[in-house]
Amino acid sequence: MKIKQNKINTLLDALPYIKKFYGKTIVIKYGGSAQVDEKLKQKFAMDISLLVLVGIKPVIVHGGGEKISQMLDALDIKSSFIDGYRVTCEQSMKIVEMVLSGSVNKDITSLLNYHGTKAMGISGKDSCLIKARAKDSSVYGFTGDIDHIDSSVIHKLLDNNFVPVIAPIGYSDELSHPGFNINADTVASQIAVAIEAHKVLFLTDTVGVLDKQGKLLHSLDKRQTDKYKKDGTIAGGMIPKVDSCIDAIQGGVKKAHIIDGAVEHSLLLELFTSDGIGTQFVKGKE
């Protein structure tokens, strides 16, 4: 009986948050272990199904860096990173699109559909969703920055009760251009701003942003984030993630979160518990 009562208490504790987020749109950047570990993949799909059932509208933006690297290695195509951004030559751009828009996107969509969620997989090229330009072609090649997001494409999918699953590939106005590889964190952030999402969550392979002693920083604003970037506390692949969080907050999103995707049901723990997990980014005092 005590076990049953604990289960009821858990549901009652979650109720205020379910009410709070009912009808809200939440963007989720899906990456890291949560995207490759079979058990975690199933848990993620179940979490998304639950979010939909309680009236939340999730939008998923996925990465696929590990599978891209594996494919490039198999084809003996060299790849490198600068400040967390993959340098993408024309040859590797074709592989990036094949992996992201093909293999990874359809795997996620199929998994969500299997668990009862009506999902639609698209890339930024579809319906001219994400217009992009070269980040710095002399340095990054076909790695892109976003010029424009057509939010109506996403809203139409949401209005028809689809969960959009978006591969971070951008299109160019130039005829026969291969497109641009865009950092998935950046895409998630700017999509959240474009569709006026309530929250954006980044699933990663870390518990959140850590200080130099390895302790979790529970909450950050822009001023604090800039300080930690300047002194090297935030570096490497974490830079695009924190920049994306700050950009989202500056763009009107209520909160952004970096959470540990290796924790089972991390989405539910963040959304439906009072303590939450990971690092949250908030708008500081002007």
Protein backbone atom coordinates (compact mmCIF):
# COMPACT_ATOMS: atom_id res chain seq x y z
CA MET A 1 0.00 0.00 0.00
CA LYS A 2 2.87 2.38 0.81
CA ILE A 3 4.39 1.82 -2.63
CA LYS A 4 1.05 2.61 -4.24
CA GLN A 5 0.72 5.76 -2.16
CA ASN A 6 4.20 6.90 -3.23
CA LYS A 7 3.19 6.46 -6.86
CA ILE A 8 0.09 8.59 -6.27
CA ASN A 9 2.19 11.27 -4.56
CA THR A 10 4.55 11.33 -7.53
CA LEU A 11 1.64 11.91 -9.88
CA LEU A 12 0.22 14.65 -7.66
CA ASP A 13 3.63 16.36 -7.46
CA ALA A 14 3.78 16.41 -11.26
CA LEU A 15 0.25 17.78 -11.67
CA PRO A 16 1.09 21.52 -11.24
CA TYR A 17 3.79 21.25 -13.92
CA ILE A 18 1.51 19.36 -16.29
CA LYS A 19 -1.02 22.19 -15.90
CA LYS A 20 1.71 24.81 -16.34
CA PHE A 21 3.02 23.37 -19.59
CA TYR A 22 -0.30 22.26 -21.07
CA GLY A 23 -0.59 23.59 -24.62
CA LYS A 24 2.98 24.94 -24.56
CA THR A 25 5.55 24.25 -27.26
CA ILE A 26 8.89 22.88 -26.10
CA VAL A 27 11.91 22.43 -28.38
CA ILE A 28 14.18 19.50 -27.57
CA LYS A 29 17.71 19.13 -28.95
CA TYR A 30 18.18 15.36 -29.03
CA GLY A 31 21.77 14.17 -29.01
CA GLY A 32 24.52 12.35 -27.15
CA SER A 33 24.05 8.96 -25.49
CA ALA A 34 20.28 9.37 -25.47
CA GLN A 35 20.40 9.16 -29.26
CA VAL A 36 22.63 6.08 -29.59
CA ASP A 37 22.03 3.89 -26.52
CA GLU A 38 19.16 1.51 -27.35
CA LYS A 39 17.64 1.58 -23.86
CA LEU A 40 17.81 5.36 -23.64
CA LYS A 41 16.29 5.70 -27.12
CA GLN A 42 13.25 3.72 -26.00
CA LYS A 43 12.92 5.81 -22.83
CA PHE A 44 13.16 9.03 -24.85
CA ALA A 45 10.39 7.89 -27.21
CA MET A 46 8.19 7.00 -24.24
CA ASP A 47 8.83 10.43 -22.70
CA ILE A 48 7.83 12.20 -25.91
CA SER A 49 4.67 10.09 -26.09
CA LEU A 50 3.78 11.10 -22.54
CA LEU A 51 4.41 14.79 -23.25
CA VAL A 52 2.01 14.65 -26.19
CA LEU A 53 -0.64 12.80 -24.16
CA VAL A 54 -0.62 15.52 -21.45
CA GLY A 55 -1.04 18.29 -24.01
CA ILE A 56 2.53 19.49 -24.54
CA LYS A 57 3.76 20.16 -28.09
CA PRO A 58 7.33 18.90 -28.53
CA VAL A 59 9.54 19.85 -31.47
CA ILE A 60 12.67 17.71 -31.84
CA VAL A 61 15.93 18.84 -33.43
CA HIS A 62 18.51 16.09 -33.60
CA GLY A 63 22.23 15.82 -34.07
CA GLY A 64 24.13 12.79 -35.31
CA GLY A 65 27.77 13.65 -34.86
CA GLU A 66 28.91 10.19 -33.80
CA LYS A 67 27.32 8.45 -36.79
CA ILE A 68 28.68 11.12 -39.14
CA SER A 69 32.19 10.62 -37.78
CA GLN A 70 31.87 6.85 -38.12
CA MET A 71 30.77 7.14 -41.73
CA LEU A 72 33.50 9.65 -42.61
CA ASP A 73 36.13 7.40 -41.02
CA ALA A 74 34.81 4.41 -42.94
CA LEU A 75 35.14 6.38 -46.19
CA ASP A 76 38.55 7.75 -45.17
CA ILE A 77 37.32 11.37 -45.31
CA LYS A 78 39.13 13.62 -42.84
CA SER A 79 37.06 15.70 -40.43
CA SER A 80 37.94 18.24 -37.75
CA PHE A 81 36.29 20.60 -35.29
CA ILE A 82 36.87 24.23 -34.37
CA ASP A 83 35.22 25.46 -31.15
CA GLY A 84 32.68 22.65 -31.34
CA TYR A 85 31.75 23.21 -34.99
CA ARG A 86 32.50 20.53 -37.59
CA VAL A 87 34.53 21.73 -40.58
CA THR A 88 32.56 20.45 -43.58
CA CYS A 89 34.05 20.10 -47.06
CA GLU A 90 31.83 19.51 -50.11
CA GLN A 91 32.56 15.79 -50.07
CA SER A 92 31.75 15.42 -46.38
CA MET A 93 28.63 17.60 -46.77
CA LYS A 94 27.07 14.84 -48.88
CA ILE A 95 27.80 12.32 -46.14
CA VAL A 96 26.48 14.64 -43.43
CA GLU A 97 23.17 15.04 -45.25
CA MET A 98 22.91 11.34 -46.00
CA VAL A 99 23.40 10.44 -42.34
CA LEU A 100 21.31 13.22 -40.78
CA SER A 101 18.39 13.51 -43.19
CA GLY A 102 18.38 9.84 -44.07
CA SER A 103 19.52 7.36 -41.44
CA VAL A 104 19.25 9.32 -38.18
CA ASN A 105 16.10 11.31 -38.93
CA LYS A 106 14.11 8.32 -40.12
CA ASP A 107 15.28 6.14 -37.22
CA ILE A 108 13.96 8.71 -34.73
CA THR A 109 10.71 9.21 -36.60
CA SER A 110 10.09 5.47 -36.86
CA LEU A 111 10.80 4.98 -33.16
CA LEU A 112 8.37 7.72 -32.14
CA ASN A 113 5.69 6.35 -34.44
CA TYR A 114 6.19 2.88 -32.95
CA HIS A 115 5.51 4.30 -29.48
CA GLY A 116 2.28 5.92 -30.64
CA THR A 117 3.51 9.43 -31.42
CA LYS A 118 2.56 10.83 -34.81
CA ALA A 119 5.96 12.12 -35.94
CA MET A 120 7.09 13.75 -39.20
CA GLY A 121 10.76 13.78 -40.15
CA ILE A 122 12.04 16.73 -42.19
CA SER A 123 15.26 18.62 -42.84
CA GLY A 124 15.84 22.34 -43.15
CA LYS A 125 15.72 21.93 -46.93
CA ASP A 126 12.12 20.71 -46.87
CA SER A 127 9.60 23.45 -47.69
CA CYS A 128 12.50 25.93 -47.40
CA LEU A 129 12.37 25.60 -43.63
CA ILE A 130 15.92 26.80 -42.84
CA LYS A 131 17.71 29.26 -45.10
CA ALA A 132 21.43 29.38 -44.38
CA ARG A 133 24.70 30.96 -45.44
CA ALA A 134 28.35 29.97 -45.03
CA LYS A 135 29.66 30.50 -41.51
CA ASP A 136 33.09 31.28 -42.94
CA SER A 137 33.76 29.25 -46.07
CA SER A 138 37.52 29.73 -45.85
CA VAL A 139 37.56 28.15 -42.38
CA TYR A 140 34.45 25.98 -41.99
CA GLY A 141 33.60 25.09 -45.61
CA PHE A 142 29.94 24.11 -45.88
CA THR A 143 29.17 24.64 -42.21
CA GLY A 144 26.43 27.26 -42.07
CA ASP A 145 24.75 29.95 -40.04
CA ILE A 146 21.02 30.53 -40.18
CA ASP A 147 19.56 33.42 -42.17
CA HIS A 148 15.86 32.64 -41.76
CA ILE A 149 13.46 30.02 -40.39
CA ASP A 150 9.99 29.65 -41.88
CA SER A 151 8.08 29.05 -38.65
CA SER A 152 4.83 28.43 -40.54
CA VAL A 153 6.14 25.02 -41.64
CA ILE A 154 6.52 23.90 -38.02
CA HIS A 155 3.25 25.46 -36.90
CA LYS A 156 1.35 23.61 -39.64
CA LEU A 157 2.78 20.30 -38.45
CA LEU A 158 1.95 21.09 -34.82
CA ASP A 159 -1.58 22.22 -35.75
CA ASN A 160 -2.10 18.83 -37.37
CA ASN A 161 -0.85 17.05 -34.25
CA PHE A 162 2.50 15.97 -35.69
CA VAL A 163 5.73 16.02 -33.71
CA PRO A 164 8.30 17.61 -36.06
CA VAL A 165 11.65 15.81 -36.11
CA ILE A 166 14.15 18.17 -37.75
CA ALA A 167 17.57 17.42 -39.24
CA PRO A 168 19.93 20.45 -39.03
CA ILE A 169 20.57 20.92 -42.74
CA GLY A 170 20.04 24.34 -44.35
CA TYR A 171 19.29 25.29 -47.93
CA SER A 172 20.96 27.91 -50.10
CA ASP A 173 19.41 30.17 -52.73
CA GLU A 174 22.24 29.16 -55.05
CA LEU A 175 21.14 26.62 -57.68
CA SER A 176 22.58 23.10 -57.20
CA HIS A 177 24.22 24.10 -53.92
CA PRO A 178 24.72 21.04 -51.64
CA GLY A 179 23.35 22.88 -48.63
CA PHE A 180 24.84 23.64 -45.24
CA ASN A 181 25.64 21.57 -42.18
CA ILE A 182 24.37 23.60 -39.21
CA ASN A 183 25.18 22.96 -35.56
CA ALA A 184 22.10 21.23 -34.10
CA ASP A 185 22.26 23.29 -30.90
CA THR A 186 22.07 26.47 -32.97
CA VAL A 187 19.13 25.12 -34.96
CA ALA A 188 17.24 24.15 -31.81
CA SER A 189 17.82 27.58 -30.28
CA GLN A 190 16.74 29.57 -33.32
CA ILE A 191 13.73 27.37 -34.00
CA ALA A 192 12.65 27.91 -30.38
CA VAL A 193 12.85 31.67 -30.94
CA ALA A 194 11.11 31.54 -34.33
CA ILE A 195 8.11 29.53 -33.09
CA GLU A 196 8.01 31.36 -29.72
CA ALA A 197 8.54 28.17 -27.74
CA HIS A 198 8.11 28.19 -23.98
CA LYS A 199 11.31 26.23 -23.33
CA VAL A 200 14.25 24.67 -25.12
CA LEU A 201 16.07 21.69 -23.67
CA PHE A 202 19.45 20.35 -24.78
CA LEU A 203 20.09 16.65 -24.07
CA THR A 204 23.84 16.12 -23.73
CA ASP A 205 26.37 13.71 -22.23
CA THR A 206 27.10 15.93 -19.25
CA VAL A 207 25.12 16.73 -16.12
CA GLY A 208 25.17 20.39 -17.15
CA VAL A 209 27.68 23.23 -17.02
CA LEU A 210 30.40 22.58 -14.45
CA ASP A 211 32.68 25.02 -12.66
CA LYS A 212 36.45 24.49 -12.49
CA GLN A 213 36.03 22.27 -9.43
CA GLY A 214 33.63 20.03 -11.34
CA LYS A 215 30.54 21.20 -9.46
CA LEU A 216 27.27 21.74 -11.28
CA LEU A 217 26.23 25.33 -11.97
CA HIS A 218 22.47 25.16 -11.49
CA SER A 219 21.53 28.51 -13.02
CA LEU A 220 23.27 30.99 -15.33
CA ASP A 221 22.44 34.26 -17.06
CA LYS A 222 24.30 36.00 -19.89
CA ARG A 223 26.67 37.95 -17.66
CA GLN A 224 27.73 34.85 -15.74
CA THR A 225 28.04 32.80 -18.93
CA ASP A 226 30.30 35.41 -20.55
CA LYS A 227 32.50 35.39 -17.45
CA TYR A 228 32.87 31.60 -17.49
CA LYS A 229 33.67 31.60 -21.22
CA LYS A 230 36.31 34.28 -20.72
CA ASP A 231 38.13 32.42 -17.92
CA GLY A 232 37.98 29.08 -19.77
CA THR A 233 35.48 27.35 -17.48
CA ILE A 234 33.21 26.98 -20.50
CA ALA A 235 35.22 25.81 -23.51
CA GLY A 236 35.28 23.53 -26.55
CA GLY A 237 32.06 21.77 -27.49
CA MET A 238 30.19 23.37 -24.59
CA ILE A 239 30.53 26.82 -26.20
CA PRO A 240 27.90 26.29 -28.95
CA LYS A 241 25.52 24.83 -26.36
CA VAL A 242 25.71 27.72 -23.89
CA ASP A 243 25.65 30.26 -26.73
CA SER A 244 22.51 28.60 -28.05
CA CYS A 245 20.90 28.76 -24.62
CA ILE A 246 21.69 32.46 -24.22
CA ASP A 247 20.52 33.25 -27.77
CA ALA A 248 17.21 31.52 -27.03
CA ILE A 249 16.68 33.48 -23.82
CA GLN A 250 17.64 36.75 -25.49
CA GLY A 251 15.18 35.89 -28.26
CA GLY A 252 12.22 35.55 -25.90
CA VAL A 253 12.22 31.89 -24.84
CA LYS A 254 11.35 31.68 -21.13
CA LYS A 255 14.05 29.21 -20.11
CA ALA A 256 16.76 27.06 -21.67
CA HIS A 257 18.22 23.94 -20.07
CA ILE A 258 21.27 21.72 -20.57
CA ILE A 259 20.46 18.31 -19.09
CA ASP A 260 22.04 14.88 -18.95
CA GLY A 261 20.49 12.72 -21.65
CA ALA A 262 22.26 9.66 -20.20
CA VAL A 263 19.83 9.79 -17.25
CA GLU A 264 16.69 7.79 -17.92
CA HIS A 265 13.59 9.99 -18.32
CA SER A 266 15.68 13.16 -17.97
CA LEU A 267 13.03 15.14 -19.86
CA LEU A 268 10.36 14.22 -17.33
CA LEU A 269 12.66 14.89 -14.39
CA GLU A 270 13.35 18.39 -15.69
CA LEU A 271 9.80 19.27 -16.64
CA PHE A 272 7.72 17.61 -13.93
CA THR A 273 9.77 17.81 -10.72
CA SER A 274 10.40 20.80 -8.48
CA ASP A 275 14.18 20.28 -8.34
CA GLY A 276 14.74 19.64 -12.04
CA ILE A 277 18.17 18.58 -13.30
CA GLY A 278 21.08 20.13 -15.14
CA THR A 279 21.79 23.81 -15.73
CA GLN A 280 19.05 26.31 -16.49
CA PHE A 281 19.62 29.59 -18.34
CA VAL A 282 17.50 32.57 -17.40
CA LYS A 283 17.25 36.19 -18.46
CA GLY A 284 19.32 38.24 -16.00
CA LYS A 285 18.89 41.82 -14.91
CA GLU A 286 19.52 44.34 -17.69
